[in-house]
Each structure stands twice: as structure tokens, then as C-alpha cells.
Amino acid sequence: MTHTITLIADHLGFTGPRVMGHEYVVDVCVDSTNLPSGGVVVTAAECGLSTVSCVVVTGAENPNHYVIQPVIVAETGAYESASSFKLHYADDLGSASTTSDTNVGSVRVRVWGKL
């Protein structure tokens, strides 16, 4: 699995997490290649945070070919981990991605958590 995380600057040029309510929020770009069928794990540390409490996909380079979904635990609705999140890529026909996929492009996500 190969992926690159880029922190996205806000309107003031700041790329670090910023406070929103009682948590911090950061916008990141996940550029994934050589995808495993189990998805791409992005750690809180890669986003400048120590925990992850919410993830929202806000854009995709190739939205017509892939649906990107953060993975949750069905019983509780919580993410699989409080220190990371997993992006699962699937094509528009609903089949899971495979290791033969090469580059699905960049995905922009907004991540909430604690420093």
C-alpha cells in the first residue's frame, strides 16, 4: 500500500489542525496508489492529530469511478480505531477495490480529533 498525505492550507495559509468547538479539524488530501482490498489506513498522526473522532470526504479527483467510505464498526457506529481511519475504495458498480488497481487519484477529507 502506498499513500501520501498532504495537509491542505486554509484561507490564511495555515496547514495545521485548528480548533473548532472542543476539537480540532484539519483538511487533508490522501493520494493513494497500489490499493489493498482492505482499504487505506490513515493515522491520526499523519493528520497532525492524536485521535480521530469524525471523518468526512469532501472531494475526490475521480468521483465518477470510485466511492470512498470511511469504515465503521457496525455494532457501535464508531470508527474501527480512535487513532486512525480507513478509506475503502469501490468502483461505481459496488465491487471492492483490488490490488490490481494502480492509482485512484486524490481524495480530500476533513478530519476532527484531538491534538
C-alpha atoms as a PDB file:
ATOM      1  CA  MET A   1       0.000   0.000   0.000  1.00  0.00           C
ATOM      2  CA  THR A   2       1.258   3.440  -0.870  1.00  0.00           C
ATOM      3  CA  HIS A   3      -0.380   6.692   0.035  1.00  0.00           C
ATOM      4  CA  THR A   4       0.697  10.290   0.555  1.00  0.00           C
ATOM      5  CA  ILE A   5      -0.940  12.722   2.968  1.00  0.00           C
ATOM      6  CA  THR A   6      -0.887  16.459   2.252  1.00  0.00           C
ATOM      7  CA  LEU A   7      -2.270  18.933   4.779  1.00  0.00           C
ATOM      8  CA  ILE A   8      -4.379  21.500   2.899  1.00  0.00           C
ATOM      9  CA  ALA A   9      -3.923  25.190   3.694  1.00  0.00           C
ATOM     10  CA  ASP A  10      -6.912  27.238   4.805  1.00  0.00           C
ATOM     11  CA  HIS A  11      -7.687  30.760   3.528  1.00  0.00           C
ATOM     12  CA  LEU A  12      -4.886  32.161   5.723  1.00  0.00           C
ATOM     13  CA  GLY A  13      -2.321  29.636   4.502  1.00  0.00           C
ATOM     14  CA  PHE A  14      -2.316  27.623   7.766  1.00  0.00           C
ATOM     15  CA  THR A  15      -1.944  23.860   7.247  1.00  0.00           C
ATOM     16  CA  GLY A  16      -2.095  22.579  10.836  1.00  0.00           C
ATOM     17  CA  PRO A  17      -5.119  21.473  12.828  1.00  0.00           C
ATOM     18  CA  ARG A  18      -7.293  24.335  14.071  1.00  0.00           C
ATOM     19  CA  VAL A  19      -9.771  24.449  16.913  1.00  0.00           C
ATOM     20  CA  MET A  20     -13.481  24.006  16.192  1.00  0.00           C
ATOM     21  CA  GLY A  21     -15.657  23.756  19.266  1.00  0.00           C
ATOM     22  CA  HIS A  22     -13.844  21.442  21.693  1.00  0.00           C
ATOM     23  CA  GLU A  23     -11.961  19.535  18.974  1.00  0.00           C
ATOM     24  CA  TYR A  24      -9.506  20.301  16.206  1.00  0.00           C
ATOM     25  CA  VAL A  25     -10.209  19.986  12.489  1.00  0.00           C
ATOM     26  CA  VAL A  26      -7.803  19.571   9.586  1.00  0.00           C
ATOM     27  CA  ASP A  27      -8.313  19.167   5.838  1.00  0.00           C
ATOM     28  CA  VAL A  28      -6.042  16.605   4.204  1.00  0.00           C
ATOM     29  CA  CYS A  29      -5.533  15.183   0.745  1.00  0.00           C
ATOM     30  CA  VAL A  30      -4.969  11.414   0.538  1.00  0.00           C
ATOM     31  CA  ASP A  31      -3.282  10.330  -2.687  1.00  0.00           C
ATOM     32  CA  SER A  32      -3.421   6.522  -2.900  1.00  0.00           C
ATOM     33  CA  THR A  33      -1.679   4.032  -5.161  1.00  0.00           C
ATOM     34  CA  ASN A  34      -1.311   0.248  -5.047  1.00  0.00           C
ATOM     35  CA  LEU A  35      -4.505  -0.157  -3.058  1.00  0.00           C
ATOM     36  CA  PRO A  36      -5.079  -3.207  -0.882  1.00  0.00           C
ATOM     37  CA  SER A  37      -8.543  -4.750  -0.994  1.00  0.00           C
ATOM     38  CA  GLY A  38      -8.913  -3.905   2.707  1.00  0.00           C
ATOM     39  CA  GLY A  39      -8.650  -0.150   2.152  1.00  0.00           C
ATOM     40  CA  VAL A  40      -6.121   2.537   3.037  1.00  0.00           C
ATOM     41  CA  VAL A  41      -5.390   3.248   6.708  1.00  0.00           C
ATOM     42  CA  VAL A  42      -4.661   6.903   7.506  1.00  0.00           C
ATOM     43  CA  THR A  43      -3.339   7.563  11.008  1.00  0.00           C
ATOM     44  CA  ALA A  44      -4.267  10.496  13.209  1.00  0.00           C
ATOM     45  CA  ALA A  45      -0.557  11.366  13.409  1.00  0.00           C
ATOM     46  CA  GLU A  46      -0.409  11.747   9.604  1.00  0.00           C
ATOM     47  CA  CYS A  47      -3.114  14.403  10.018  1.00  0.00           C
ATOM     48  CA  GLY A  48      -1.343  16.195  12.883  1.00  0.00           C
ATOM     49  CA  LEU A  49      -3.753  14.769  15.477  1.00  0.00           C
ATOM     50  CA  SER A  50      -3.584  12.150  18.248  1.00  0.00           C
ATOM     51  CA  THR A  51      -7.176  10.892  17.893  1.00  0.00           C
ATOM     52  CA  VAL A  52      -9.844  10.760  15.202  1.00  0.00           C
ATOM     53  CA  SER A  53     -13.494  11.330  16.094  1.00  0.00           C
ATOM     54  CA  CYS A  54     -15.039  12.180  12.708  1.00  0.00           C
ATOM     55  CA  VAL A  55     -14.084  11.926   9.034  1.00  0.00           C
ATOM     56  CA  VAL A  56     -15.967  13.478   6.120  1.00  0.00           C
ATOM     57  CA  VAL A  57     -14.999  13.004   2.486  1.00  0.00           C
ATOM     58  CA  THR A  58     -15.220  16.461   0.898  1.00  0.00           C
ATOM     59  CA  GLY A  59     -13.961  15.725  -2.599  1.00  0.00           C
ATOM     60  CA  ALA A  60     -12.389  13.231  -4.973  1.00  0.00           C
ATOM     61  CA  GLU A  61     -10.220  13.625  -8.048  1.00  0.00           C
ATOM     62  CA  ASN A  62     -12.117  10.859  -9.812  1.00  0.00           C
ATOM     63  CA  PRO A  63     -15.633  10.877  -8.272  1.00  0.00           C
ATOM     64  CA  ASN A  64     -17.326   9.044 -11.138  1.00  0.00           C
ATOM     65  CA  HIS A  65     -15.229   5.918 -10.783  1.00  0.00           C
ATOM     66  CA  TYR A  66     -14.870   5.451  -7.037  1.00  0.00           C
ATOM     67  CA  VAL A  67     -16.989   5.760  -3.933  1.00  0.00           C
ATOM     68  CA  ILE A  68     -14.881   6.482  -0.859  1.00  0.00           C
ATOM     69  CA  GLN A  69     -16.225   5.498   2.534  1.00  0.00           C
ATOM     70  CA  PRO A  70     -14.618   5.656   5.980  1.00  0.00           C
ATOM     71  CA  VAL A  71     -15.149   2.243   7.621  1.00  0.00           C
ATOM     72  CA  ILE A  72     -17.119   1.968  10.885  1.00  0.00           C
ATOM     73  CA  VAL A  73     -17.882  -0.851  13.294  1.00  0.00           C
ATOM     74  CA  ALA A  74     -21.482  -1.863  12.585  1.00  0.00           C
ATOM     75  CA  GLU A  75     -22.423  -2.610  16.201  1.00  0.00           C
ATOM     76  CA  THR A  76     -21.418   0.776  17.634  1.00  0.00           C
ATOM     77  CA  GLY A  77     -21.172   3.157  14.695  1.00  0.00           C
ATOM     78  CA  ALA A  78     -17.676   4.128  15.865  1.00  0.00           C
ATOM     79  CA  TYR A  79     -14.656   4.080  13.580  1.00  0.00           C
ATOM     80  CA  GLU A  80     -12.549   0.924  13.747  1.00  0.00           C
ATOM     81  CA  SER A  81      -9.847   2.876  15.610  1.00  0.00           C
ATOM     82  CA  ALA A  82      -9.672   6.130  17.559  1.00  0.00           C
ATOM     83  CA  SER A  83      -6.123   6.737  16.282  1.00  0.00           C
ATOM     84  CA  SER A  84      -6.718   6.118  12.564  1.00  0.00           C
ATOM     85  CA  PHE A  85      -9.384   5.733   9.917  1.00  0.00           C
ATOM     86  CA  LYS A  86      -9.670   3.505   6.883  1.00  0.00           C
ATOM     87  CA  LEU A  87     -10.785   4.648   3.442  1.00  0.00           C
ATOM     88  CA  HIS A  88     -12.439   1.887   1.460  1.00  0.00           C
ATOM     89  CA  TYR A  89     -12.431   2.388  -2.301  1.00  0.00           C
ATOM     90  CA  ALA A  90     -15.055   0.774  -4.513  1.00  0.00           C
ATOM     91  CA  ASP A  91     -15.916   1.320  -8.145  1.00  0.00           C
ATOM     92  CA  ASP A  92     -19.284   2.670  -9.230  1.00  0.00           C
ATOM     93  CA  LEU A  93     -20.604  -0.878  -9.617  1.00  0.00           C
ATOM     94  CA  GLY A  94     -20.086  -1.511  -5.907  1.00  0.00           C
ATOM     95  CA  SER A  95     -17.260  -4.034  -6.137  1.00  0.00           C
ATOM     96  CA  ALA A  96     -14.372  -3.669  -3.717  1.00  0.00           C
ATOM     97  CA  SER A  97     -11.056  -2.387  -4.976  1.00  0.00           C
ATOM     98  CA  THR A  98      -8.303  -4.882  -5.667  1.00  0.00           C
ATOM     99  CA  THR A  99      -4.539  -4.824  -5.534  1.00  0.00           C
ATOM    100  CA  SER A 100      -4.512  -4.608  -9.342  1.00  0.00           C
ATOM    101  CA  ASP A 101      -5.817  -1.034  -9.076  1.00  0.00           C
ATOM    102  CA  THR A 102      -2.978   1.401  -9.648  1.00  0.00           C
ATOM    103  CA  ASN A 103      -3.904   4.988  -8.851  1.00  0.00           C
ATOM    104  CA  VAL A 104      -7.391   6.125  -7.873  1.00  0.00           C
ATOM    105  CA  GLY A 105      -6.306   9.738  -7.546  1.00  0.00           C
ATOM    106  CA  SER A 106      -6.573  12.115  -4.642  1.00  0.00           C
ATOM    107  CA  VAL A 107      -9.337  12.223  -2.053  1.00  0.00           C
ATOM    108  CA  ARG A 108      -9.910  15.256   0.164  1.00  0.00           C
ATOM    109  CA  VAL A 109     -11.137  14.583   3.694  1.00  0.00           C
ATOM    110  CA  ARG A 110     -11.889  16.729   6.734  1.00  0.00           C
ATOM    111  CA  VAL A 111     -10.798  15.080   9.973  1.00  0.00           C
ATOM    112  CA  TRP A 112     -11.873  16.026  13.515  1.00  0.00           C
ATOM    113  CA  GLY A 113      -9.975  14.930  16.615  1.00  0.00           C
ATOM    114  CA  LYS A 114      -7.692  15.937  19.464  1.00  0.00           C
ATOM    115  CA  LEU A 115      -4.082  17.103  19.316  1.00  0.00           C
END
